[in-house]
């Protein structure tokens, strides 16, 4: 079993821990919690780079090793890093529980060493709502 962890922290008080597990070549399970968010939906993505020296500005675009279009997690044609939205409750906490086939922990398209980004606003899931793409 492959395992990885991402520790999230921002200057705005958002913090969390995200765990990734994968059995063999099966799907990757993503679990964890994020606190300090405004209530509502927040785009949740794996970005191409692991460089967080300038916050989210240095993490690059969504991880997209196969050159596909932006989309929803259930879309086959999407960036591998498009994990949709997480929902923060009134207390500002979002619990994450995702199972995904496009974010392996091993191999040429591994997400190891890449940044996990929680956006301030919702992701439009590739549906073209201006201002909501992650």
Protein backbone atom coordinates (compact mmCIF):
# COMPACT_ATOMS: atom_id res chain seq x y z
CA UNK A 1 0.00 0.00 0.00
CA UNK A 2 1.25 3.47 -0.92
CA UNK A 3 0.72 6.35 1.48
CA UNK A 4 1.38 10.09 1.37
CA UNK A 5 0.44 13.12 3.43
CA UNK A 6 0.04 16.82 2.61
CA UNK A 7 0.12 19.41 5.38
CA UNK A 8 -1.78 22.55 4.41
CA UNK A 9 -1.05 25.94 5.92
CA UNK A 10 -1.68 29.50 4.78
CA UNK A 11 -1.00 33.00 6.03
CA UNK A 12 -4.79 33.47 6.21
CA UNK A 13 -5.21 30.82 8.93
CA UNK A 14 -6.30 27.93 6.72
CA UNK A 15 -4.70 24.68 7.79
CA UNK A 16 -5.24 20.98 7.45
CA UNK A 17 -3.85 17.54 6.87
CA UNK A 18 -4.71 15.45 3.82
CA UNK A 19 -3.90 11.72 3.61
CA UNK A 20 -3.52 9.73 0.39
CA UNK A 21 -3.59 5.92 0.28
CA UNK A 22 -3.46 3.57 -2.69
CA UNK A 23 -3.59 -0.24 -2.86
CA UNK A 24 -1.51 -1.52 -5.78
CA UNK A 25 -2.72 0.09 -9.01
CA UNK A 26 -6.20 0.76 -7.63
CA UNK A 27 -7.81 4.13 -6.96
CA UNK A 28 -6.31 6.60 -4.50
CA UNK A 29 -8.32 7.46 -1.40
CA UNK A 30 -8.02 11.05 -0.14
CA UNK A 31 -9.11 11.82 3.43
CA UNK A 32 -8.54 14.55 5.98
CA UNK A 33 -9.84 17.87 7.19
CA UNK A 34 -9.20 21.54 6.51
CA UNK A 35 -10.06 24.35 8.94
CA UNK A 36 -10.13 28.13 8.78
CA UNK A 37 -12.20 28.29 5.58
CA UNK A 38 -15.20 30.52 4.94
CA UNK A 39 -18.40 28.42 4.90
CA UNK A 40 -19.32 27.00 1.49
CA UNK A 41 -17.61 25.42 -1.49
CA UNK A 42 -13.87 25.59 -2.18
CA UNK A 43 -12.01 24.26 -5.21
CA UNK A 44 -9.69 21.38 -4.27
CA UNK A 45 -6.86 20.42 -6.60
CA UNK A 46 -3.47 18.83 -6.99
CA UNK A 47 -1.25 21.38 -8.77
CA UNK A 48 1.67 20.61 -11.07
CA UNK A 49 4.45 21.90 -8.84
CA UNK A 50 5.30 21.37 -5.19
CA UNK A 51 6.81 24.85 -4.85
CA UNK A 52 4.90 26.83 -2.23
CA UNK A 53 7.50 29.57 -1.70
CA UNK A 54 5.03 32.16 -3.05
CA UNK A 55 1.85 30.51 -1.81
CA UNK A 56 -0.47 29.19 -4.50
CA UNK A 57 1.12 31.48 -7.08
CA UNK A 58 4.18 29.20 -7.34
CA UNK A 59 2.36 25.86 -7.53
CA UNK A 60 1.67 26.09 -11.26
CA UNK A 61 -1.55 24.97 -12.97
CA UNK A 62 -3.66 21.98 -12.06
CA UNK A 63 -1.71 18.73 -12.47
CA UNK A 64 -2.52 17.67 -16.05
CA UNK A 65 -0.05 15.06 -17.36
CA UNK A 66 -2.28 13.99 -20.26
CA UNK A 67 -3.19 17.47 -21.58
CA UNK A 68 -6.94 17.25 -20.99
CA UNK A 69 -9.53 19.99 -20.38
CA UNK A 70 -10.61 21.29 -16.97
CA UNK A 71 -13.50 19.23 -15.62
CA UNK A 72 -15.36 17.66 -12.73
CA UNK A 73 -13.99 14.69 -10.77
CA UNK A 74 -16.51 12.35 -12.39
CA UNK A 75 -15.46 13.42 -15.91
CA UNK A 76 -13.05 11.08 -17.67
CA UNK A 77 -11.76 14.04 -19.73
CA UNK A 78 -10.32 16.28 -17.01
CA UNK A 79 -7.07 17.42 -15.46
CA UNK A 80 -5.83 14.64 -13.18
CA UNK A 81 -5.61 17.23 -10.40
CA UNK A 82 -9.27 18.29 -10.70
CA UNK A 83 -10.73 16.96 -7.45
CA UNK A 84 -13.80 19.20 -7.43
CA UNK A 85 -14.96 21.12 -4.40
CA UNK A 86 -14.85 20.55 -0.67
CA UNK A 87 -17.59 22.00 1.52
CA UNK A 88 -16.77 23.94 4.66
CA UNK A 89 -19.46 24.03 7.32
CA UNK A 90 -20.45 27.02 9.43
CA UNK A 91 -17.43 26.30 11.66
CA UNK A 92 -15.09 26.71 8.66
CA UNK A 93 -14.07 23.05 8.56
CA UNK A 94 -14.22 20.84 5.48
CA UNK A 95 -13.91 17.08 5.80
CA UNK A 96 -12.41 15.38 2.76
CA UNK A 97 -13.27 11.87 1.57
CA UNK A 98 -12.53 11.28 -2.12
CA UNK A 99 -11.73 8.16 -4.13
CA UNK A 100 -10.08 8.92 -7.48
CA UNK A 101 -8.47 6.93 -10.31
CA UNK A 102 -6.36 9.73 -11.84
CA UNK A 103 -4.01 10.63 -8.96
CA UNK A 104 -1.67 7.64 -8.44
CA UNK A 105 1.04 7.64 -5.79
CA UNK A 106 3.52 5.78 -8.02
CA UNK A 107 4.54 5.73 -11.67
CA UNK A 108 5.10 8.47 -14.25
CA UNK A 109 1.91 10.38 -13.33
CA UNK A 110 2.45 10.24 -9.56
CA UNK A 111 1.22 13.14 -7.46
CA UNK A 112 4.08 12.78 -4.98
CA UNK A 113 5.97 16.08 -4.62
CA UNK A 114 3.09 18.18 -5.98
CA UNK A 115 1.08 20.81 -4.08
CA UNK A 116 -2.45 20.31 -2.81
CA UNK A 117 -4.39 23.59 -3.08
CA UNK A 118 -7.67 24.60 -1.46
CA UNK A 119 -9.02 27.65 -3.26
CA UNK A 120 -10.89 30.53 -1.62
CA UNK A 121 -13.77 30.13 -4.08
CA UNK A 122 -15.72 27.27 -5.68
CA UNK A 123 -14.45 25.46 -8.76
CA UNK A 124 -16.76 25.68 -11.80
CA UNK A 125 -15.93 22.02 -12.62
CA UNK A 126 -15.18 22.94 -16.22
CA UNK A 127 -18.74 24.16 -16.82
CA UNK A 128 -17.62 27.68 -17.78
CA UNK A 129 -18.93 29.82 -14.93
CA UNK A 130 -16.69 32.87 -15.26
CA UNK A 131 -14.54 33.56 -12.22
CA UNK A 132 -14.97 30.16 -10.63
CA UNK A 133 -12.28 28.08 -12.30
CA UNK A 134 -9.59 26.90 -9.91
